[in-house]
Amino acid sequence: MSESEERTWTVLAHLSAPIAAVLSAGSLSLLGPLIIYFLVRKRSPLARNAAAGAFNFNVSFWVLYVVAWVLIFTVIAIPVAVAIWLVIFVVSAITHIVGAIRGARGEYFTYPFQIKILR
């Protein structure tokens, strides 16, 4: 794989989660990085790392997302759930954009708040 292709796959790995989340109202954010991981894991260490990081990061945020949904069913916790959703959205968007920028430069990016499933 050429360096240009590797960078393209890396940027796609970082941006696939937020794009899928927007297109599916949040429900498919894990699918993009997972597909890219399986497509490039043996051909590009940089893209594999990006896809695994994006997937693991989104798993962590899915846990928070589920917690927010549980909280929404109690009247007192509705503001907390809304706050969690806003934080998830902002942090996720910023983190994926920073990852894509670093990936375009050919740099490795480590996501914060990861539940490490893929390596």
PDB file of N, CA and C in Angstrom:
ATOM      1  N   MET A   1       0.856  -1.167   0.000  1.00  0.00           N
ATOM      2  CA  MET A   1       0.000   0.000   0.000  1.00  0.00           C
ATOM      3  C   MET A   1       0.906   1.234   0.000  1.00  0.00           C
ATOM      4  N   SER A   2       0.587   2.179  -0.871  1.00  0.00           N
ATOM      5  CA  SER A   2       1.392   3.399  -0.939  1.00  0.00           C
ATOM      6  C   SER A   2       1.109   4.287   0.275  1.00  0.00           C
ATOM      7  N   GLU A   3       2.001   5.232   0.494  1.00  0.00           N
ATOM      8  CA  GLU A   3       1.834   6.148   1.628  1.00  0.00           C
ATOM      9  C   GLU A   3       0.559   6.979   1.477  1.00  0.00           C
ATOM     10  N   SER A   4       0.250   7.370   0.255  1.00  0.00           N
ATOM     11  CA  SER A   4      -0.965   8.146  -0.004  1.00  0.00           C
ATOM     12  C   SER A   4      -2.221   7.332   0.321  1.00  0.00           C
ATOM     13  N   GLU A   5      -2.241   6.075  -0.110  1.00  0.00           N
ATOM     14  CA  GLU A   5      -3.382   5.203   0.197  1.00  0.00           C
ATOM     15  C   GLU A   5      -3.511   4.977   1.699  1.00  0.00           C
ATOM     16  N   GLU A   6      -2.370   4.789   2.347  1.00  0.00           N
ATOM     17  CA  GLU A   6      -2.379   4.565   3.791  1.00  0.00           C
ATOM     18  C   GLU A   6      -2.979   5.765   4.524  1.00  0.00           C
ATOM     19  N   ARG A   7      -2.596   6.950   4.115  1.00  0.00           N
ATOM     20  CA  ARG A   7      -3.142   8.160   4.748  1.00  0.00           C
ATOM     21  C   ARG A   7      -4.636   8.305   4.476  1.00  0.00           C
ATOM     22  N   THR A   8      -5.049   7.969   3.261  1.00  0.00           N
ATOM     23  CA  THR A   8      -6.480   8.036   2.928  1.00  0.00           C
ATOM     24  C   THR A   8      -7.284   7.082   3.804  1.00  0.00           C
ATOM     25  N   TRP A   9      -6.820   5.840   3.934  1.00  0.00           N
ATOM     26  CA  TRP A   9      -7.510   4.867   4.789  1.00  0.00           C
ATOM     27  C   TRP A   9      -7.516   5.318   6.245  1.00  0.00           C
ATOM     28  N   THR A  10      -6.424   5.948   6.667  1.00  0.00           N
ATOM     29  CA  THR A  10      -6.333   6.423   8.047  1.00  0.00           C
ATOM     30  C   THR A  10      -7.355   7.520   8.306  1.00  0.00           C
ATOM     31  N   VAL A  11      -7.459   8.476   7.396  1.00  0.00           N
ATOM     32  CA  VAL A  11      -8.450   9.551   7.545  1.00  0.00           C
ATOM     33  C   VAL A  11      -9.858   8.968   7.518  1.00  0.00           C
ATOM     34  N   LEU A  12     -10.111   8.027   6.610  1.00  0.00           N
ATOM     35  CA  LEU A  12     -11.431   7.381   6.562  1.00  0.00           C
ATOM     36  C   LEU A  12     -11.744   6.645   7.860  1.00  0.00           C
ATOM     37  N   ALA A  13     -10.741   6.016   8.435  1.00  0.00           N
ATOM     38  CA  ALA A  13     -10.956   5.306   9.704  1.00  0.00           C
ATOM     39  C   ALA A  13     -11.388   6.274  10.794  1.00  0.00           C
ATOM     40  N   HIS A  14     -10.747   7.431  10.838  1.00  0.00           N
ATOM     41  CA  HIS A  14     -11.098   8.417  11.864  1.00  0.00           C
ATOM     42  C   HIS A  14     -12.468   9.049  11.604  1.00  0.00           C
ATOM     43  N   LEU A  15     -12.785   9.324  10.351  1.00  0.00           N
ATOM     44  CA  LEU A  15     -14.030  10.040  10.043  1.00  0.00           C
ATOM     45  C   LEU A  15     -15.227   9.128   9.797  1.00  0.00           C
ATOM     46  N   SER A  16     -14.995   7.832   9.638  1.00  0.00           N
ATOM     47  CA  SER A  16     -16.117   6.929   9.355  1.00  0.00           C
ATOM     48  C   SER A  16     -17.119   6.873  10.504  1.00  0.00           C
ATOM     49  N   ALA A  17     -16.643   6.962  11.732  1.00  0.00           N
ATOM     50  CA  ALA A  17     -17.553   6.891  12.883  1.00  0.00           C
ATOM     51  C   ALA A  17     -18.488   8.097  12.950  1.00  0.00           C
ATOM     52  N   PRO A  18     -17.985   9.339  12.894  1.00  0.00           N
ATOM     53  CA  PRO A  18     -18.932  10.460  12.957  1.00  0.00           C
ATOM     54  C   PRO A  18     -19.838  10.543  11.728  1.00  0.00           C
ATOM     55  N   ILE A  19     -19.329  10.165  10.557  1.00  0.00           N
ATOM     56  CA  ILE A  19     -20.178  10.183   9.362  1.00  0.00           C
ATOM     57  C   ILE A  19     -21.297   9.153   9.506  1.00  0.00           C
ATOM     58  N   ALA A  20     -20.952   7.951   9.932  1.00  0.00           N
ATOM     59  CA  ALA A  20     -21.967   6.912  10.132  1.00  0.00           C
ATOM     60  C   ALA A  20     -22.944   7.309  11.228  1.00  0.00           C
ATOM     61  N   ALA A  21     -22.454   7.966  12.265  1.00  0.00           N
ATOM     62  CA  ALA A  21     -23.331   8.398  13.359  1.00  0.00           C
ATOM     63  C   ALA A  21     -24.349   9.420  12.871  1.00  0.00           C
ATOM     64  N   VAL A  22     -23.915  10.349  12.037  1.00  0.00           N
ATOM     65  CA  VAL A  22     -24.833  11.363  11.506  1.00  0.00           C
ATOM     66  C   VAL A  22     -25.857  10.719  10.577  1.00  0.00           C
ATOM     67  N   LEU A  23     -25.410   9.815   9.726  1.00  0.00           N
ATOM     68  CA  LEU A  23     -26.317   9.187   8.764  1.00  0.00           C
ATOM     69  C   LEU A  23     -27.293   8.212   9.405  1.00  0.00           C
ATOM     70  N   SER A  24     -26.948   7.694  10.579  1.00  0.00           N
ATOM     71  CA  SER A  24     -27.800   6.679  11.213  1.00  0.00           C
ATOM     72  C   SER A  24     -28.358   7.128  12.561  1.00  0.00           C
ATOM     73  N   ALA A  25     -28.315   8.406  12.844  1.00  0.00           N
ATOM     74  CA  ALA A  25     -28.764   8.945  14.136  1.00  0.00           C
ATOM     75  C   ALA A  25     -28.008   8.306  15.296  1.00  0.00           C
ATOM     76  N   GLY A  26     -26.732   8.027  15.081  1.00  0.00           N
ATOM     77  CA  GLY A  26     -25.880   7.527  16.149  1.00  0.00           C
ATOM     78  C   GLY A  26     -25.770   6.031  16.273  1.00  0.00           C
ATOM     79  N   SER A  27     -26.606   5.286  15.582  1.00  0.00           N
ATOM     80  CA  SER A  27     -26.657   3.852  15.838  1.00  0.00           C
ATOM     81  C   SER A  27     -25.571   3.031  15.136  1.00  0.00           C
ATOM     82  N   LEU A  28     -24.925   3.567  14.117  1.00  0.00           N
ATOM     83  CA  LEU A  28     -23.940   2.780  13.372  1.00  0.00           C
ATOM     84  C   LEU A  28     -22.511   3.305  13.495  1.00  0.00           C
ATOM     85  N   SER A  29     -22.233   4.071  14.515  1.00  0.00           N
ATOM     86  CA  SER A  29     -20.902   4.675  14.635  1.00  0.00           C
ATOM     87  C   SER A  29     -19.791   3.649  14.815  1.00  0.00           C
ATOM     88  N   LEU A  30     -20.122   2.454  15.224  1.00  0.00           N
ATOM     89  CA  LEU A  30     -19.111   1.406  15.397  1.00  0.00           C
ATOM     90  C   LEU A  30     -18.801   0.679  14.088  1.00  0.00           C
ATOM     91  N   LEU A  31     -19.718   0.738  13.157  1.00  0.00           N
ATOM     92  CA  LEU A  31     -19.601  -0.071  11.948  1.00  0.00           C
ATOM     93  C   LEU A  31     -18.486   0.398  11.012  1.00  0.00           C
ATOM     94  N   GLY A  32     -18.367   1.697  10.777  1.00  0.00           N
ATOM     95  CA  GLY A  32     -17.347   2.220   9.864  1.00  0.00           C
ATOM     96  C   GLY A  32     -15.936   1.837  10.269  1.00  0.00           C
ATOM     97  N   PRO A  33     -15.519   2.164  11.504  1.00  0.00           N
ATOM     98  CA  PRO A  33     -14.164   1.781  11.912  1.00  0.00           C
ATOM     99  C   PRO A  33     -13.934   0.267  11.898  1.00  0.00           C
ATOM    100  N   LEU A  34     -14.958  -0.502  12.219  1.00  0.00           N
ATOM    101  CA  LEU A  34     -14.816  -1.962  12.236  1.00  0.00           C
ATOM    102  C   LEU A  34     -14.585  -2.506  10.824  1.00  0.00           C
ATOM    103  N   ILE A  35     -15.331  -2.006   9.859  1.00  0.00           N
ATOM    104  CA  ILE A  35     -15.153  -2.439   8.467  1.00  0.00           C
ATOM    105  C   ILE A  35     -13.757  -2.073   7.972  1.00  0.00           C
ATOM    106  N   ILE A  36     -13.344  -0.843   8.234  1.00  0.00           N
ATOM    107  CA  ILE A  36     -12.013  -0.407   7.797  1.00  0.00           C
ATOM    108  C   ILE A  36     -10.931  -1.229   8.484  1.00  0.00           C
ATOM    109  N   TYR A  37     -11.114  -1.533   9.757  1.00  0.00           N
ATOM    110  CA  TYR A  37     -10.146  -2.357  10.484  1.00  0.00           C
ATOM    111  C   TYR A  37      -9.930  -3.688   9.769  1.00  0.00           C
ATOM    112  N   PHE A  38     -11.015  -4.357   9.396  1.00  0.00           N
ATOM    113  CA  PHE A  38     -10.881  -5.663   8.752  1.00  0.00           C
ATOM    114  C   PHE A  38     -10.365  -5.562   7.317  1.00  0.00           C
ATOM    115  N   LEU A  39     -10.585  -4.427   6.659  1.00  0.00           N
ATOM    116  CA  LEU A  39     -10.080  -4.259   5.300  1.00  0.00           C
ATOM    117  C   LEU A  39      -8.578  -3.997   5.248  1.00  0.00           C
ATOM    118  N   VAL A  40      -8.037  -3.265   6.226  1.00  0.00           N
ATOM    119  CA  VAL A  40      -6.641  -2.813   6.126  1.00  0.00           C
ATOM    120  C   VAL A  40      -5.721  -3.321   7.228  1.00  0.00           C
ATOM    121  N   ARG A  41      -6.209  -4.142   8.123  1.00  0.00           N
ATOM    122  CA  ARG A  41      -5.410  -4.504   9.302  1.00  0.00           C
ATOM    123  C   ARG A  41      -4.082  -5.168   8.966  1.00  0.00           C
ATOM    124  N   LYS A  42      -3.998  -5.884   7.873  1.00  0.00           N
ATOM    125  CA  LYS A  42      -2.747  -6.568   7.532  1.00  0.00           C
ATOM    126  C   LYS A  42      -1.887  -5.768   6.557  1.00  0.00           C
ATOM    127  N   ARG A  43      -2.445  -4.721   5.976  1.00  0.00           N
ATOM    128  CA  ARG A  43      -1.711  -3.964   4.969  1.00  0.00           C
ATOM    129  C   ARG A  43      -1.154  -2.640   5.470  1.00  0.00           C
ATOM    130  N   SER A  44      -1.713  -2.100   6.551  1.00  0.00           N
ATOM    131  CA  SER A  44      -1.281  -0.782   7.003  1.00  0.00           C
ATOM    132  C   SER A  44      -1.376  -0.670   8.519  1.00  0.00           C
ATOM    133  N   PRO A  45      -0.237  -0.635   9.204  1.00  0.00           N
ATOM    134  CA  PRO A  45      -0.276  -0.481  10.661  1.00  0.00           C
ATOM    135  C   PRO A  45      -0.895   0.851  11.097  1.00  0.00           C
ATOM    136  N   LEU A  46      -0.657   1.910  10.331  1.00  0.00           N
ATOM    137  CA  LEU A  46      -1.205   3.225  10.679  1.00  0.00           C
ATOM    138  C   LEU A  46      -2.732   3.222  10.578  1.00  0.00           C
ATOM    139  N   ALA A  47      -3.267   2.718   9.469  1.00  0.00           N
ATOM    140  CA  ALA A  47      -4.721   2.677   9.289  1.00  0.00           C
ATOM    141  C   ALA A  47      -5.368   1.696  10.265  1.00  0.00           C
ATOM    142  N   ARG A  48      -4.689   0.562  10.529  1.00  0.00           N
ATOM    143  CA  ARG A  48      -5.216  -0.394  11.510  1.00  0.00           C
ATOM    144  C   ARG A  48      -5.314   0.253  12.882  1.00  0.00           C
ATOM    145  N   ASN A  49      -4.278   0.973  13.275  1.00  0.00           N
ATOM    146  CA  ASN A  49      -4.273   1.656  14.564  1.00  0.00           C
ATOM    147  C   ASN A  49      -5.393   2.697  14.634  1.00  0.00           C
ATOM    148  N   ALA A  50      -5.589   3.438  13.550  1.00  0.00           N
ATOM    149  CA  ALA A  50      -6.639   4.459  13.516  1.00  0.00           C
ATOM    150  C   ALA A  50      -8.025   3.826  13.625  1.00  0.00           C
ATOM    151  N   ALA A  51      -8.257   2.759  12.873  1.00  0.00           N
ATOM    152  CA  ALA A  51      -9.563   2.095  12.899  1.00  0.00           C
ATOM    153  C   ALA A  51      -9.830   1.455  14.257  1.00  0.00           C
ATOM    154  N   ALA A  52      -8.820   0.801  14.820  1.00  0.00           N
ATOM    155  CA  ALA A  52      -8.986   0.183  16.142  1.00  0.00           C
ATOM    156  C   ALA A  52      -9.244   1.244  17.199  1.00  0.00           C
ATOM    157  N   GLY A  53      -8.497   2.336  17.150  1.00  0.00           N
ATOM    158  CA  GLY A  53      -8.696   3.418  18.117  1.00  0.00           C
ATOM    159  C   GLY A  53     -10.078   4.036  18.008  1.00  0.00           C
ATOM    160  N   ALA A  54     -10.517   4.291  16.765  1.00  0.00           N
ATOM    161  CA  ALA A  54     -11.845   4.874  16.566  1.00  0.00           C
ATOM    162  C   ALA A  54     -12.937   3.928  17.064  1.00  0.00           C
ATOM    163  N   PHE A  55     -12.782   2.638  16.779  1.00  0.00           N
ATOM    164  CA  PHE A  55     -13.762   1.655  17.245  1.00  0.00           C
ATOM    165  C   PHE A  55     -13.800   1.612  18.769  1.00  0.00           C
ATOM    166  N   ASN A  56     -12.634   1.483  19.394  1.00  0.00           N
ATOM    167  CA  ASN A  56     -12.566   1.397  20.861  1.00  0.00           C
ATOM    168  C   ASN A  56     -13.121   2.655  21.521  1.00  0.00           C
ATOM    169  N   PHE A  57     -12.798   3.807  20.968  1.00  0.00           N
ATOM    170  CA  PHE A  57     -13.296   5.080  21.480  1.00  0.00           C
ATOM    171  C   PHE A  57     -14.823   5.118  21.406  1.00  0.00           C
ATOM    172  N   ASN A  58     -15.369   4.666  20.292  1.00  0.00           N
ATOM    173  CA  ASN A  58     -16.820   4.686  20.131  1.00  0.00           C
ATOM    174  C   ASN A  58     -17.519   3.669  21.015  1.00  0.00           C
ATOM    175  N   VAL A  59     -16.867   2.564  21.323  1.00  0.00           N
ATOM    176  CA  VAL A  59     -17.442   1.614  22.286  1.00  0.00           C
ATOM    177  C   VAL A  59     -17.598   2.301  23.638  1.00  0.00           C
ATOM    178  N   SER A  60     -16.573   3.035  24.050  1.00  0.00           N
ATOM    179  CA  SER A  60     -16.633   3.763  25.326  1.00  0.00           C
ATOM    180  C   SER A  60     -17.797   4.744  25.335  1.00  0.00           C
ATOM    181  N   PHE A  61     -17.970   5.452  24.231  1.00  0.00           N
ATOM    182  CA  PHE A  61     -19.038   6.438  24.178  1.00  0.00           C
ATOM    183  C   PHE A  61     -20.405   5.786  24.048  1.00  0.00           C
ATOM    184  N   TRP A  62     -20.464   4.585  23.464  1.00  0.00           N
ATOM    185  CA  TRP A  62     -21.729   3.854  23.437  1.00  0.00           C
ATOM    186  C   TRP A  62     -22.184   3.501  24.850  1.00  0.00           C
ATOM    187  N   VAL A  63     -21.247   3.162  25.710  1.00  0.00           N
ATOM    188  CA  VAL A  63     -21.589   2.865  27.107  1.00  0.00           C
ATOM    189  C   VAL A  63     -22.217   4.101  27.747  1.00  0.00           C
ATOM    190  N   LEU A  64     -21.605   5.262  27.551  1.00  0.00           N
ATOM    191  CA  LEU A  64     -22.174   6.506  28.092  1.00  0.00           C
ATOM    192  C   LEU A  64     -23.530   6.820  27.462  1.00  0.00           C
ATOM    193  N   TYR A  65     -23.660   6.544  26.187  1.00  0.00           N
ATOM    194  CA  TYR A  65     -24.908   6.780  25.472  1.00  0.00           C
ATOM    195  C   TYR A  65     -26.046   5.946  26.073  1.00  0.00           C
ATOM    196  N   VAL A  66     -25.761   4.689  26.369  1.00  0.00           N
ATOM    197  CA  VAL A  66     -26.759   3.805  26.988  1.00  0.00           C
ATOM    198  C   VAL A  66     -27.109   4.299  28.390  1.00  0.00           C
ATOM    199  N   VAL A  67     -26.101   4.724  29.150  1.00  0.00           N
ATOM    200  CA  VAL A  67     -26.357   5.281  30.486  1.00  0.00           C
ATOM    201  C   VAL A  67     -27.284   6.487  30.381  1.00  0.00           C
ATOM    202  N   ALA A  68     -27.052   7.344  29.404  1.00  0.00           N
ATOM    203  CA  ALA A  68     -27.914   8.516  29.224  1.00  0.00           C
ATOM    204  C   ALA A  68     -29.346   8.101  28.902  1.00  0.00           C
ATOM    205  N   TRP A  69     -29.517   7.064  28.093  1.00  0.00           N
ATOM    206  CA  TRP A  69     -30.864   6.584  27.789  1.00  0.00           C
ATOM    207  C   TRP A  69     -31.554   6.027  29.031  1.00  0.00           C
ATOM    208  N   VAL A  70     -30.802   5.352  29.871  1.00  0.00           N
ATOM    209  CA  VAL A  70     -31.385   4.847  31.121  1.00  0.00           C
ATOM    210  C   VAL A  70     -31.803   6.019  32.000  1.00  0.00           C
ATOM    211  N   LEU A  71     -30.961   7.045  32.060  1.00  0.00           N
ATOM    212  CA  LEU A  71     -31.272   8.215  32.887  1.00  0.00           C
ATOM    213  C   LEU A  71     -32.468   9.004  32.369  1.00  0.00           C
ATOM    214  N   ILE A  72     -32.711   8.970  31.076  1.00  0.00           N
ATOM    215  CA  ILE A  72     -33.805   9.754  30.497  1.00  0.00           C
ATOM    216  C   ILE A  72     -35.166   9.278  31.009  1.00  0.00           C
ATOM    217  N   PHE A  73     -35.230   8.028  31.482  1.00  0.00           N
ATOM    218  CA  PHE A  73     -36.499   7.496  31.954  1.00  0.00           C
ATOM    219  C   PHE A  73     -36.858   7.942  33.365  1.00  0.00           C
ATOM    220  N   THR A  74     -35.957   8.640  34.009  1.00  0.00           N
ATOM    221  CA  THR A  74     -36.292   9.235  35.301  1.00  0.00           C
ATOM    222  C   THR A  74     -36.405  10.736  35.098  1.00  0.00           C
ATOM    223  N   VAL A  75     -37.446  11.320  35.576  1.00  0.00           N
ATOM    224  CA  VAL A  75     -37.718  12.738  35.338  1.00  0.00           C
ATOM    225  C   VAL A  75     -36.594  13.619  35.879  1.00  0.00           C
ATOM    226  N   ILE A  76     -36.062  13.263  37.030  1.00  0.00           N
ATOM    227  CA  ILE A  76     -35.020  14.070  37.654  1.00  0.00           C
ATOM    228  C   ILE A  76     -33.738  14.052  36.824  1.00  0.00           C
ATOM    229  N   ALA A  77     -33.447  12.945  36.166  1.00  0.00           N
ATOM    230  CA  ALA A  77     -32.177  12.795  35.464  1.00  0.00           C
ATOM    231  C   ALA A  77     -32.218  13.228  34.000  1.00  0.00           C
ATOM    232  N   ILE A  78     -33.339  13.747  33.528  1.00  0.00           N
ATOM    233  CA  ILE A  78     -33.415  14.192  32.133  1.00  0.00           C
ATOM    234  C   ILE A  78     -32.349  15.238  31.817  1.00  0.00           C
ATOM    235  N   PRO A  79     -32.153  16.258  32.665  1.00  0.00           N
ATOM    236  CA  PRO A  79     -31.088  17.231  32.358  1.00  0.00           C
ATOM    237  C   PRO A  79     -29.695  16.592  32.330  1.00  0.00           C
ATOM    238  N   VAL A  80     -29.475  15.614  33.185  1.00  0.00           N
ATOM    239  CA  VAL A  80     -28.179  14.923  33.196  1.00  0.00           C
ATOM    240  C   VAL A  80     -27.993  14.155  31.887  1.00  0.00           C
ATOM    241  N   ALA A  81     -29.024  13.476  31.439  1.00  0.00           N
ATOM    242  CA  ALA A  81     -28.946  12.716  30.192  1.00  0.00           C
ATOM    243  C   ALA A  81     -28.670  13.638  29.010  1.00  0.00           C
ATOM    244  N   VAL A  82     -29.356  14.756  28.962  1.00  0.00           N
ATOM    245  CA  VAL A  82     -29.139  15.718  27.876  1.00  0.00           C
ATOM    246  C   VAL A  82     -27.709  16.252  27.918  1.00  0.00           C
ATOM    247  N   ALA A  83     -27.212  16.544  29.106  1.00  0.00           N
ATOM    248  CA  ALA A  83     -25.830  17.020  29.251  1.00  0.00           C
ATOM    249  C   ALA A  83     -24.839  15.955  28.779  1.00  0.00           C
ATOM    250  N   ILE A  84     -25.091  14.701  29.120  1.00  0.00           N
ATOM    251  CA  ILE A  84     -24.204  13.614  28.683  1.00  0.00           C
ATOM    252  C   ILE A  84     -24.201  13.520  27.161  1.00  0.00           C
ATOM    253  N   TRP A  85     -25.383  13.602  26.543  1.00  0.00           N
ATOM    254  CA  TRP A  85     -25.453  13.542  25.082  1.00  0.00           C
ATOM    255  C   TRP A  85     -24.684  14.688  24.435  1.00  0.00           C
ATOM    256  N   LEU A  86     -24.805  15.884  24.985  1.00  0.00           N
ATOM    257  CA  LEU A  86     -24.078  17.029  24.430  1.00  0.00           C
ATOM    258  C   LEU A  86     -22.568  16.847  24.559  1.00  0.00           C
ATOM    259  N   VAL A  87     -22.132  16.386  25.713  1.00  0.00           N
ATOM    260  CA  VAL A  87     -20.696  16.152  25.921  1.00  0.00           C
ATOM    261  C   VAL A  87     -20.197  15.069  24.967  1.00  0.00           C
ATOM    262  N   ILE A  88     -20.958  13.995  24.825  1.00  0.00           N
ATOM    263  CA  ILE A  88     -20.575  12.919  23.905  1.00  0.00           C
ATOM    264  C   ILE A  88     -20.418  13.474  22.491  1.00  0.00           C
ATOM    265  N   PHE A  89     -21.371  14.261  22.052  1.00  0.00           N
ATOM    266  CA  PHE A  89     -21.340  14.811  20.697  1.00  0.00           C
ATOM    267  C   PHE A  89     -20.124  15.705  20.479  1.00  0.00           C
ATOM    268  N   VAL A  90     -19.907  16.649  21.386  1.00  0.00           N
ATOM    269  CA  VAL A  90     -18.814  17.615  21.228  1.00  0.00           C
ATOM    270  C   VAL A  90     -17.450  16.926  21.316  1.00  0.00           C
ATOM    271  N   VAL A  91     -17.248  16.123  22.344  1.00  0.00           N
ATOM    272  CA  VAL A  91     -15.953  15.447  22.521  1.00  0.00           C
ATOM    273  C   VAL A  91     -15.685  14.494  21.358  1.00  0.00           C
ATOM    274  N   SER A  92     -16.688  13.765  20.945  1.00  0.00           N
ATOM    275  CA  SER A  92     -16.514  12.824  19.843  1.00  0.00           C
ATOM    276  C   SER A  92     -16.153  13.557  18.550  1.00  0.00           C
ATOM    277  N   ALA A  93     -16.873  14.614  18.232  1.00  0.00           N
ATOM    278  CA  ALA A  93     -16.598  15.361  17.002  1.00  0.00           C
ATOM    279  C   ALA A  93     -15.183  15.928  17.004  1.00  0.00           C
ATOM    280  N   ILE A  94     -14.806  16.568  18.086  1.00  0.00           N
ATOM    281  CA  ILE A  94     -13.470  17.168  18.167  1.00  0.00           C
ATOM    282  C   ILE A  94     -12.391  16.093  18.074  1.00  0.00           C
ATOM    283  N   THR A  95     -12.565  15.015  18.797  1.00  0.00           N
ATOM    284  CA  THR A  95     -11.552  13.960  18.821  1.00  0.00           C
ATOM    285  C   THR A  95     -11.380  13.309  17.455  1.00  0.00           C
ATOM    286  N   HIS A  96     -12.477  13.030  16.763  1.00  0.00           N
ATOM    287  CA  HIS A  96     -12.375  12.412  15.439  1.00  0.00           C
ATOM    288  C   HIS A  96     -11.736  13.365  14.428  1.00  0.00           C
ATOM    289  N   ILE A  97     -12.042  14.639  14.516  1.00  0.00           N
ATOM    290  CA  ILE A  97     -11.437  15.615  13.603  1.00  0.00           C
ATOM    291  C   ILE A  97      -9.934  15.722  13.848  1.00  0.00           C
ATOM    292  N   VAL A  98      -9.533  15.796  15.113  1.00  0.00           N
ATOM    293  CA  VAL A  98      -8.099  15.847  15.433  1.00  0.00           C
ATOM    294  C   VAL A  98      -7.406  14.578  14.933  1.00  0.00           C
ATOM    295  N   GLY A  99      -8.037  13.429  15.132  1.00  0.00           N
ATOM    296  CA  GLY A  99      -7.470  12.173  14.643  1.00  0.00           C
ATOM    297  C   GLY A  99      -7.315  12.170  13.133  1.00  0.00           C
ATOM    298  N   ALA A 100      -8.314  12.688  12.417  1.00  0.00           N
ATOM    299  CA  ALA A 100      -8.244  12.737  10.954  1.00  0.00           C
ATOM    300  C   ALA A 100      -7.123  13.665  10.485  1.00  0.00           C
ATOM    301  N   ILE A 101      -6.963  14.789  11.152  1.00  0.00           N
ATOM    302  CA  ILE A 101      -5.888  15.724  10.788  1.00  0.00           C
ATOM    303  C   ILE A 101      -4.525  15.070  10.999  1.00  0.00           C
ATOM    304  N   ARG A 102      -4.356  14.429  12.127  1.00  0.00           N
ATOM    305  CA  ARG A 102      -3.073  13.749  12.387  1.00  0.00           C
ATOM    306  C   ARG A 102      -2.864  12.583  11.420  1.00  0.00           C
ATOM    307  N   GLY A 103      -3.930  11.876  11.111  1.00  0.00           N
ATOM    308  CA  GLY A 103      -3.820  10.777  10.153  1.00  0.00           C
ATOM    309  C   GLY A 103      -3.439  11.259   8.764  1.00  0.00           C
ATOM    310  N   ALA A 104      -3.957  12.414   8.361  1.00  0.00           N
ATOM    311  CA  ALA A 104      -3.605  12.986   7.062  1.00  0.00           C
ATOM    312  C   ALA A 104      -2.125  13.348   7.005  1.00  0.00           C
ATOM    313  N   ARG A 105      -1.543  13.638   8.145  1.00  0.00           N
ATOM    314  CA  ARG A 105      -0.101  13.937   8.226  1.00  0.00           C
ATOM    315  C   ARG A 105       0.742  12.663   8.330  1.00  0.00           C
ATOM    316  N   GLY A 106       0.082  11.522   8.459  1.00  0.00           N
ATOM    317  CA  GLY A 106       0.800  10.261   8.611  1.00  0.00           C
ATOM    318  C   GLY A 106       1.224   9.982  10.036  1.00  0.00           C
ATOM    319  N   GLU A 107       0.594  10.652  10.995  1.00  0.00           N
ATOM    320  CA  GLU A 107       0.938  10.491  12.408  1.00  0.00           C
ATOM    321  C   GLU A 107      -0.047   9.547  13.093  1.00  0.00           C
ATOM    322  N   TYR A 108       0.442   8.853  14.098  1.00  0.00           N
ATOM    323  CA  TYR A 108      -0.426   8.019  14.928  1.00  0.00           C
ATOM    324  C   TYR A 108      -1.182   8.917  15.897  1.00  0.00           C
ATOM    325  N   PHE A 109      -2.417   8.545  16.198  1.00  0.00           N
ATOM    326  CA  PHE A 109      -3.242   9.300  17.137  1.00  0.00           C
ATOM    327  C   PHE A 109      -3.827   8.320  18.145  1.00  0.00           C
ATOM    328  N   THR A 110      -3.705   8.644  19.420  1.00  0.00           N
ATOM    329  CA  THR A 110      -4.262   7.796  20.471  1.00  0.00           C
ATOM    330  C   THR A 110      -5.525   8.450  21.011  1.00  0.00           C
ATOM    331  N   TYR A 111      -6.632   7.742  20.891  1.00  0.00           N
ATOM    332  CA  TYR A 111      -7.902   8.248  21.407  1.00  0.00           C
ATOM    333  C   TYR A 111      -7.929   8.172  22.925  1.00  0.00           C
ATOM    334  N   PRO A 112      -8.521   9.172  23.573  1.00  0.00           N
ATOM    335  CA  PRO A 112      -8.718   9.077  25.025  1.00  0.00           C
ATOM    336  C   PRO A 112      -9.942   8.206  25.320  1.00  0.00           C
ATOM    337  N   PHE A 113     -10.106   7.814  26.538  1.00  0.00           N
ATOM    338  CA  PHE A 113     -11.323   7.118  27.006  1.00  0.00           C
ATOM    339  C   PHE A 113     -11.636   5.855  26.207  1.00  0.00           C
ATOM    340  N   GLN A 114     -10.655   5.018  25.971  1.00  0.00           N
ATOM    341  CA  GLN A 114     -10.885   3.809  25.186  1.00  0.00           C
ATOM    342  C   GLN A 114     -11.135   2.592  26.063  1.00  0.00           C
ATOM    343  N   ILE A 115     -12.100   1.789  25.647  1.00  0.00           N
ATOM    344  CA  ILE A 115     -12.231   0.429  26.157  1.00  0.00           C
ATOM    345  C   ILE A 115     -11.569  -0.420  25.077  1.00  0.00           C
ATOM    346  N   LYS A 116     -10.386  -0.921  25.349  1.00  0.00           N
ATOM    347  CA  LYS A 116      -9.586  -1.589  24.311  1.00  0.00           C
ATOM    348  C   LYS A 116     -10.166  -2.966  23.982  1.00  0.00           C
ATOM    349  N   ILE A 117     -10.733  -3.052  22.800  1.00  0.00           N
ATOM    350  CA  ILE A 117     -11.258  -4.310  22.282  1.00  0.00           C
ATOM    351  C   ILE A 117     -10.413  -4.739  21.081  1.00  0.00           C
ATOM    352  N   LEU A 118     -10.271  -3.827  20.121  1.00  0.00           N
ATOM    353  CA  LEU A 118      -9.411  -4.085  18.965  1.00  0.00           C
ATOM    354  C   LEU A 118      -8.034  -3.515  19.244  1.00  0.00           C
ATOM    355  N   ARG A 119      -7.029  -4.172  18.751  1.00  0.00           N
ATOM    356  CA  ARG A 119      -5.642  -3.684  18.931  1.00  0.00           C
ATOM    357  C   ARG A 119      -4.958  -3.574  17.599  1.00  0.00           C
TER     358      ARG A 119
END
